[in-house]
Amino acid sequence: MEDFRKAGLDDGSGNLHDRRSVLVRLSPAGEKAIGGVTPLVRRVNEILFQHVTAKDLTTIVEFLNALSLNSEYAAVEVRRFEHDRNAHCRGA
């Protein structure tokens, strides 16, 4: 954030309600900088997501949700295995 402020892209105000966080407000120079890259970002996104349908994105989200849940189950299984192995070693 300091570099952001030094470049004059932020107005430099903090979050008065929560000191753990920072509120970022673009200065006029920051607005101009964002405006300068917006067309490029839009074009890159168009290229990245061409031929990707809403159904494709839904499928990816469903897959990632299932993988995330399964990874939790797998972690439980690893912990159970380690617990059982340690219990067996102590009892041997």
C-alpha atoms as a PDB file:
ATOM      1  CA  MET A   1       0.000   0.000   0.000  1.00  0.00           C
ATOM      2  CA  GLU A   2       2.888   2.342   0.728  1.00  0.00           C
ATOM      3  CA  ASP A   3       4.096   2.162  -2.882  1.00  0.00           C
ATOM      4  CA  PHE A   4       0.536   2.791  -4.018  1.00  0.00           C
ATOM      5  CA  ARG A   5       0.391   5.937  -1.907  1.00  0.00           C
ATOM      6  CA  LYS A   6       3.866   7.104  -2.906  1.00  0.00           C
ATOM      7  CA  ALA A   7       2.805   6.874  -6.545  1.00  0.00           C
ATOM      8  CA  GLY A   8      -0.099   9.198  -5.729  1.00  0.00           C
ATOM      9  CA  LEU A   9      -2.743   6.630  -6.655  1.00  0.00           C
ATOM     10  CA  ASP A  10      -4.486   6.593  -3.254  1.00  0.00           C
ATOM     11  CA  ASP A  11      -5.952   9.442  -1.212  1.00  0.00           C
ATOM     12  CA  GLY A  12      -4.182   8.094   1.877  1.00  0.00           C
ATOM     13  CA  SER A  13      -7.105   7.832   4.274  1.00  0.00           C
ATOM     14  CA  GLY A  14      -7.385   4.912   6.684  1.00  0.00           C
ATOM     15  CA  ASN A  15     -10.426   3.024   7.866  1.00  0.00           C
ATOM     16  CA  LEU A  16     -11.673   4.903  10.923  1.00  0.00           C
ATOM     17  CA  HIS A  17     -14.040   2.079  11.906  1.00  0.00           C
ATOM     18  CA  ASP A  18     -11.562  -0.810  11.744  1.00  0.00           C
ATOM     19  CA  ARG A  19      -7.846  -0.161  12.115  1.00  0.00           C
ATOM     20  CA  ARG A  20      -7.002  -3.704  10.958  1.00  0.00           C
ATOM     21  CA  SER A  21      -8.172  -2.907   7.457  1.00  0.00           C
ATOM     22  CA  VAL A  22      -7.444  -0.219   4.916  1.00  0.00           C
ATOM     23  CA  LEU A  23      -9.941   1.654   2.809  1.00  0.00           C
ATOM     24  CA  VAL A  24      -8.545   2.417  -0.609  1.00  0.00           C
ATOM     25  CA  ARG A  25      -9.894   5.382  -2.472  1.00  0.00           C
ATOM     26  CA  LEU A  26      -8.368   6.199  -5.791  1.00  0.00           C
ATOM     27  CA  SER A  27      -6.984   9.647  -6.270  1.00  0.00           C
ATOM     28  CA  PRO A  28      -7.598  11.376  -9.614  1.00  0.00           C
ATOM     29  CA  ALA A  29      -4.204  10.014 -10.739  1.00  0.00           C
ATOM     30  CA  GLY A  30      -5.305   6.530  -9.646  1.00  0.00           C
ATOM     31  CA  GLU A  31      -8.555   6.860 -11.594  1.00  0.00           C
ATOM     32  CA  LYS A  32      -6.562   7.885 -14.663  1.00  0.00           C
ATOM     33  CA  ALA A  33      -4.164   4.934 -14.250  1.00  0.00           C
ATOM     34  CA  ILE A  34      -7.066   2.464 -13.965  1.00  0.00           C
ATOM     35  CA  GLY A  35      -8.738   4.030 -16.976  1.00  0.00           C
ATOM     36  CA  GLY A  36      -5.550   3.512 -18.961  1.00  0.00           C
ATOM     37  CA  VAL A  37      -5.458  -0.247 -18.410  1.00  0.00           C
ATOM     38  CA  THR A  38      -9.184  -0.974 -18.462  1.00  0.00           C
ATOM     39  CA  PRO A  39      -9.345  -1.578 -22.248  1.00  0.00           C
ATOM     40  CA  LEU A  40      -6.424  -4.028 -22.028  1.00  0.00           C
ATOM     41  CA  VAL A  41      -7.942  -5.891 -19.081  1.00  0.00           C
ATOM     42  CA  ARG A  42     -11.255  -6.124 -20.894  1.00  0.00           C
ATOM     43  CA  ARG A  43      -9.568  -7.483 -24.054  1.00  0.00           C
ATOM     44  CA  VAL A  44      -7.483 -10.011 -22.107  1.00  0.00           C
ATOM     45  CA  ASN A  45     -10.623 -11.249 -20.337  1.00  0.00           C
ATOM     46  CA  GLU A  46     -12.397 -11.593 -23.666  1.00  0.00           C
ATOM     47  CA  ILE A  47      -9.512 -13.721 -24.968  1.00  0.00           C
ATOM     48  CA  LEU A  48      -9.257 -15.836 -21.814  1.00  0.00           C
ATOM     49  CA  PHE A  49     -12.954 -16.595 -21.657  1.00  0.00           C
ATOM     50  CA  GLN A  50     -13.772 -17.003 -25.338  1.00  0.00           C
ATOM     51  CA  HIS A  51     -15.398 -20.373 -25.951  1.00  0.00           C
ATOM     52  CA  VAL A  52     -16.084 -20.714 -22.201  1.00  0.00           C
ATOM     53  CA  THR A  53     -19.785 -20.936 -21.496  1.00  0.00           C
ATOM     54  CA  ALA A  54     -21.730 -20.283 -18.330  1.00  0.00           C
ATOM     55  CA  LYS A  55     -22.293 -24.042 -18.186  1.00  0.00           C
ATOM     56  CA  ASP A  56     -18.517 -24.596 -18.307  1.00  0.00           C
ATOM     57  CA  LEU A  57     -18.046 -22.226 -15.381  1.00  0.00           C
ATOM     58  CA  THR A  58     -20.829 -23.928 -13.435  1.00  0.00           C
ATOM     59  CA  THR A  59     -19.185 -27.297 -14.041  1.00  0.00           C
ATOM     60  CA  ILE A  60     -15.832 -25.966 -12.817  1.00  0.00           C
ATOM     61  CA  VAL A  61     -17.404 -24.512  -9.682  1.00  0.00           C
ATOM     62  CA  GLU A  62     -19.204 -27.783  -8.947  1.00  0.00           C
ATOM     63  CA  PHE A  63     -15.975 -29.727  -9.465  1.00  0.00           C
ATOM     64  CA  LEU A  64     -13.962 -27.410  -7.214  1.00  0.00           C
ATOM     65  CA  ASN A  65     -16.622 -27.559  -4.507  1.00  0.00           C
ATOM     66  CA  ALA A  66     -16.610 -31.370  -4.622  1.00  0.00           C
ATOM     67  CA  LEU A  67     -12.802 -31.466  -4.607  1.00  0.00           C
ATOM     68  CA  SER A  68     -12.687 -29.110  -1.637  1.00  0.00           C
ATOM     69  CA  LEU A  69     -15.160 -31.213   0.334  1.00  0.00           C
ATOM     70  CA  ASN A  70     -13.370 -34.441  -0.611  1.00  0.00           C
ATOM     71  CA  SER A  71     -10.056 -32.963   0.499  1.00  0.00           C
ATOM     72  CA  GLU A  72     -11.563 -32.419   3.939  1.00  0.00           C
ATOM     73  CA  TYR A  73     -12.634 -36.070   4.050  1.00  0.00           C
ATOM     74  CA  ALA A  74      -9.177 -37.132   2.883  1.00  0.00           C
ATOM     75  CA  ALA A  75      -7.518 -35.050   5.595  1.00  0.00           C
ATOM     76  CA  VAL A  76      -9.713 -36.733   8.205  1.00  0.00           C
ATOM     77  CA  GLU A  77      -8.695 -40.121   6.816  1.00  0.00           C
ATOM     78  CA  VAL A  78      -4.990 -39.208   7.026  1.00  0.00           C
ATOM     79  CA  ARG A  79      -5.405 -38.025  10.613  1.00  0.00           C
ATOM     80  CA  ARG A  80      -7.295 -41.231  11.482  1.00  0.00           C
ATOM     81  CA  PHE A  81      -4.520 -43.335   9.933  1.00  0.00           C
ATOM     82  CA  GLU A  82      -1.829 -41.442  11.837  1.00  0.00           C
ATOM     83  CA  HIS A  83      -3.800 -41.756  15.075  1.00  0.00           C
ATOM     84  CA  ASP A  84      -4.234 -45.509  14.583  1.00  0.00           C
ATOM     85  CA  ARG A  85      -0.579 -45.978  13.651  1.00  0.00           C
ATOM     86  CA  ASN A  86       0.588 -44.019  16.686  1.00  0.00           C
ATOM     87  CA  ALA A  87      -1.768 -45.961  18.951  1.00  0.00           C
ATOM     88  CA  HIS A  88      -0.446 -49.248  17.523  1.00  0.00           C
ATOM     89  CA  CYS A  89       3.181 -48.136  18.021  1.00  0.00           C
ATOM     90  CA  ARG A  90       2.512 -47.191  21.618  1.00  0.00           C
ATOM     91  CA  GLY A  91       0.791 -50.490  22.276  1.00  0.00           C
ATOM     92  CA  ALA A  92       3.498 -52.610  20.661  1.00  0.00           C
END
